[in-house]
Amino acid sequence: MFPGLPPTRRRLRAVRHQLRRRRRLIAAALAAAAVVSALRTLAPPPPDTVDVLVATRDLPSGTLLDDDDLVVRAFPADLAPAGAASAAAGRVLAAPIGRGEVLTDVRVVGPALAMAQPGETVVPVRLPDAGMATLLRPGDEVDLVATDPGTGTSVVVARDVTVLATPTGAPDGPAGGSGGALVVIGASAEEAIAISSAALAQFLTVSWER
């Protein structure tokens, strides 16, 4: 390797050569470690997350929710929808949600349901024909018609009101029976008064276009 040098000096030169090579390798390793450390220091911290409830499958309106229908997922706090529901077991869906969608309070029957239609009043309406209620779906826009049982005359008491929730189980009574079925609608304050007044002495029915 070093011709012309005594064996001792050749060995010494070889040792010095190896030390120089290793110093370069060590220096390169230290430089790489410094770069990695700097990148970690400059990288933004992981975003804050919140736990939300996400549908495990497509769920239709009227579903009585249980633990198998929803799963907890970590969601970026700044992207989580407002009003994300924190509890859902035993609650009833007022509108359908798709698989992977975050459940919010406005999607379930409860006080927050009014938020689904800002500026409107939530009104429960009992339809005397229970079978008619089963034809409705949340989101339908319907006209409410009041019929006087004595004279048989009818009048429209509210137009294009929005159905917010429908019966969750079997109808309270047979079609045309006295039990009827309760639906929830969103209407203006004036319409709510007219609907409530008509419901006291007249039969309410609905008509709509799909």
Protein backbone atom coordinates (compact mmCIF):
# COMPACT_ATOMS: atom_id res chain seq x y z
CA MET A 1 0.00 0.00 0.00
CA PHE A 2 2.88 2.40 0.82
CA PRO A 3 5.91 0.94 -1.05
CA GLY A 4 9.34 1.85 0.12
CA LEU A 5 8.34 2.44 3.74
CA PRO A 6 9.38 0.23 6.65
CA PRO A 7 6.61 -2.10 7.85
CA THR A 8 6.09 -0.13 11.06
CA ARG A 9 5.60 3.14 9.23
CA ARG A 10 3.32 1.46 6.68
CA ARG A 11 1.12 0.17 9.48
CA LEU A 12 1.07 3.62 11.07
CA ARG A 13 0.12 5.23 7.77
CA ALA A 14 -2.66 2.64 7.32
CA VAL A 15 -4.03 3.34 10.79
CA ARG A 16 -4.00 7.08 10.15
CA HIS A 17 -5.77 6.54 6.82
CA GLN A 18 -8.50 4.48 8.47
CA LEU A 19 -8.96 7.10 11.18
CA ARG A 20 -9.37 9.84 8.55
CA ARG A 21 -11.99 7.77 6.71
CA ARG A 22 -13.87 7.08 9.91
CA ARG A 23 -13.76 10.73 10.93
CA ARG A 24 -15.37 11.62 7.62
CA LEU A 25 -18.07 8.98 8.14
CA ILE A 26 -18.72 10.16 11.71
CA ALA A 27 -18.87 13.77 10.56
CA ALA A 28 -21.35 12.85 7.82
CA ALA A 29 -23.50 10.93 10.30
CA LEU A 30 -23.49 13.84 12.73
CA ALA A 31 -24.43 16.27 9.95
CA ALA A 32 -27.33 14.02 8.88
CA ALA A 33 -28.54 13.79 12.47
CA ALA A 34 -28.42 17.58 12.76
CA VAL A 35 -30.51 17.95 9.57
CA VAL A 36 -33.12 15.48 10.84
CA SER A 37 -33.28 17.26 14.18
CA ALA A 38 -33.71 20.64 12.45
CA LEU A 39 -36.52 19.29 10.26
CA ARG A 40 -38.32 17.92 13.28
CA THR A 41 -37.97 21.26 15.03
CA LEU A 42 -39.35 23.19 12.04
CA ALA A 43 -42.18 20.75 11.28
CA PRO A 44 -45.61 21.92 12.51
CA PRO A 45 -47.04 20.05 15.49
CA PRO A 46 -49.79 17.50 14.78
CA PRO A 47 -53.24 19.10 14.60
CA ASP A 48 -55.56 18.99 17.60
CA THR A 49 -58.28 16.38 17.24
CA VAL A 50 -61.68 15.76 18.75
CA ASP A 51 -63.65 12.55 19.01
CA VAL A 52 -66.77 12.41 16.82
CA LEU A 53 -69.36 9.77 16.06
CA VAL A 54 -69.28 8.42 12.50
CA ALA A 55 -71.86 6.19 10.84
CA THR A 56 -70.64 2.65 10.22
CA ARG A 57 -73.14 2.18 7.38
CA ASP A 58 -75.84 4.05 5.48
CA LEU A 59 -78.61 4.82 7.95
CA PRO A 60 -82.13 5.83 6.87
CA SER A 61 -84.25 8.39 8.67
CA GLY A 62 -86.22 6.97 11.57
CA THR A 63 -83.38 4.64 12.65
CA LEU A 64 -83.24 4.04 16.41
CA LEU A 65 -79.50 4.32 16.90
CA ASP A 66 -77.47 1.80 18.87
CA ASP A 67 -73.78 1.23 19.49
CA ASP A 68 -73.33 -0.83 16.30
CA ASP A 69 -74.50 2.02 14.07
CA LEU A 70 -71.74 4.46 15.05
CA VAL A 71 -68.04 4.42 15.84
CA VAL A 72 -65.79 7.00 17.49
CA ARG A 73 -63.18 8.59 15.23
CA ALA A 74 -60.53 11.26 15.86
CA PHE A 75 -61.27 14.28 13.66
CA PRO A 76 -59.22 17.49 13.14
CA ALA A 77 -60.69 19.99 15.57
CA ASP A 78 -60.81 22.82 13.02
CA LEU A 79 -62.66 20.62 10.50
CA ALA A 80 -65.15 18.95 12.83
CA PRO A 81 -68.72 20.01 11.98
CA ALA A 82 -70.48 22.27 14.43
CA GLY A 83 -72.89 20.46 16.70
CA ALA A 84 -71.25 17.05 16.35
CA ALA A 85 -73.25 14.70 18.55
CA SER A 86 -71.44 13.39 21.61
CA ALA A 87 -73.97 10.66 22.41
CA ALA A 88 -76.40 8.84 20.17
CA ALA A 89 -77.48 5.47 21.53
CA GLY A 90 -81.26 5.43 21.86
CA ARG A 91 -81.78 8.56 19.76
CA VAL A 92 -83.77 8.61 16.50
CA LEU A 93 -82.48 9.86 13.16
CA ALA A 94 -84.55 12.70 11.74
CA ALA A 95 -82.67 12.56 8.42
CA PRO A 96 -80.59 9.88 6.68
CA ILE A 97 -76.79 9.86 6.94
CA GLY A 98 -74.24 8.01 4.83
CA ARG A 99 -71.47 5.67 5.85
CA GLY A 100 -68.51 7.62 7.24
CA GLU A 101 -70.56 10.78 7.82
CA VAL A 102 -70.25 12.59 11.14
CA LEU A 103 -73.46 12.56 13.18
CA THR A 104 -74.65 16.03 14.24
CA ASP A 105 -77.43 17.08 16.61
CA VAL A 106 -79.55 18.42 13.75
CA ARG A 107 -79.74 14.90 12.29
CA VAL A 108 -81.51 13.44 15.32
CA VAL A 109 -84.89 14.10 16.89
CA GLY A 110 -84.42 16.55 19.75
CA PRO A 111 -84.20 20.26 20.62
CA ALA A 112 -81.42 20.87 18.08
CA LEU A 113 -83.66 19.67 15.27
CA ALA A 114 -84.89 23.24 14.87
CA MET A 115 -81.41 24.21 13.69
CA ALA A 116 -82.00 22.19 10.51
CA GLN A 117 -84.38 24.92 9.33
CA PRO A 118 -83.06 28.27 10.64
CA GLY A 119 -85.82 30.82 11.16
CA GLU A 120 -88.58 28.20 11.22
CA THR A 121 -90.71 26.82 14.03
CA VAL A 122 -90.73 23.09 14.74
CA VAL A 123 -94.34 21.89 14.86
CA PRO A 124 -95.61 18.39 15.69
CA VAL A 125 -98.59 17.49 13.53
CA ARG A 126 -100.84 14.49 14.10
CA LEU A 127 -102.19 13.09 10.86
CA PRO A 128 -105.40 11.12 11.42
CA ASP A 129 -104.46 8.68 8.66
CA ALA A 130 -101.47 6.79 10.06
CA GLY A 131 -100.77 5.15 6.70
CA MET A 132 -100.28 8.56 5.09
CA ALA A 133 -97.48 9.40 7.54
CA THR A 134 -95.49 6.35 6.43
CA LEU A 135 -95.30 7.79 2.91
CA LEU A 136 -93.44 10.87 4.09
CA ARG A 137 -89.68 11.26 4.33
CA PRO A 138 -87.62 13.93 6.10
CA GLY A 139 -86.89 16.68 3.61
CA ASP A 140 -90.22 16.39 1.79
CA GLU A 141 -91.97 19.69 1.17
CA VAL A 142 -95.71 19.31 1.61
CA ASP A 143 -98.93 21.31 1.78
CA LEU A 144 -101.08 20.83 4.88
CA VAL A 145 -104.79 20.66 4.18
CA ALA A 146 -107.44 21.02 6.90
CA THR A 147 -110.85 19.40 6.38
CA ASP A 148 -113.94 20.26 8.43
CA PRO A 149 -115.51 16.92 9.51
CA GLY A 150 -118.97 18.53 9.63
CA THR A 151 -119.14 20.21 6.24
CA GLY A 152 -116.43 18.33 4.38
CA THR A 153 -114.89 21.59 3.13
CA SER A 154 -111.11 21.77 2.89
CA VAL A 155 -108.61 24.61 2.96
CA VAL A 156 -104.83 24.75 2.66
CA VAL A 157 -103.43 26.04 5.96
CA ALA A 158 -99.72 25.87 5.06
CA ARG A 159 -97.81 25.49 1.81
CA ASP A 160 -94.38 24.01 1.16
CA VAL A 161 -93.60 23.21 4.78
CA THR A 162 -90.64 20.88 5.36
CA VAL A 163 -90.97 17.45 6.96
CA LEU A 164 -88.26 17.14 9.62
CA ALA A 165 -89.08 13.79 11.23
CA THR A 166 -91.46 10.93 10.59
CA PRO A 167 -92.76 7.99 12.67
CA THR A 168 -89.99 5.62 13.74
CA GLY A 169 -92.02 2.46 14.13
CA ALA A 170 -95.35 0.98 13.18
CA PRO A 171 -98.18 3.52 12.77
CA ASP A 172 -100.15 4.34 15.90
CA GLY A 173 -103.31 3.11 14.23
CA PRO A 174 -104.58 1.66 10.94
CA ALA A 175 -105.00 3.80 7.86
CA GLY A 176 -107.94 6.04 8.49
CA GLY A 177 -108.05 4.96 12.16
CA SER A 178 -108.38 7.26 15.15
CA GLY A 179 -104.84 6.75 16.39
CA GLY A 180 -103.12 8.52 13.55
CA ALA A 181 -99.42 9.25 13.49
CA LEU A 182 -97.25 12.15 14.54
CA VAL A 183 -94.87 13.91 12.15
CA VAL A 184 -92.64 16.92 12.79
CA ILE A 185 -92.50 19.81 10.33
CA GLY A 186 -90.70 23.13 10.03
CA ALA A 187 -92.96 26.10 9.34
CA SER A 188 -93.05 29.86 9.79
CA ALA A 189 -94.45 31.26 13.04
CA GLU A 190 -97.66 32.34 11.28
CA GLU A 191 -98.10 28.92 9.68
CA ALA A 192 -97.48 27.22 13.03
CA ILE A 193 -100.39 29.15 14.56
CA ALA A 194 -102.69 28.28 11.66
CA ILE A 195 -101.71 24.61 11.80
CA SER A 196 -102.21 24.36 15.56
CA SER A 197 -105.62 26.05 15.33
CA ALA A 198 -106.77 23.79 12.51
CA ALA A 199 -105.61 20.66 14.33
CA LEU A 200 -107.98 21.37 17.23
CA ALA A 201 -111.22 20.86 15.28
CA GLN A 202 -110.31 19.65 11.80
CA PHE A 203 -108.58 16.73 10.13
CA LEU A 204 -105.14 17.47 8.71
CA THR A 205 -103.87 15.75 5.59
CA VAL A 206 -100.92 16.39 3.31
CA SER A 207 -100.31 16.72 -0.40
CA TRP A 208 -96.95 16.99 -2.12
CA GLU A 209 -94.96 16.49 -5.27
CA ARG A 210 -91.78 14.41 -5.43
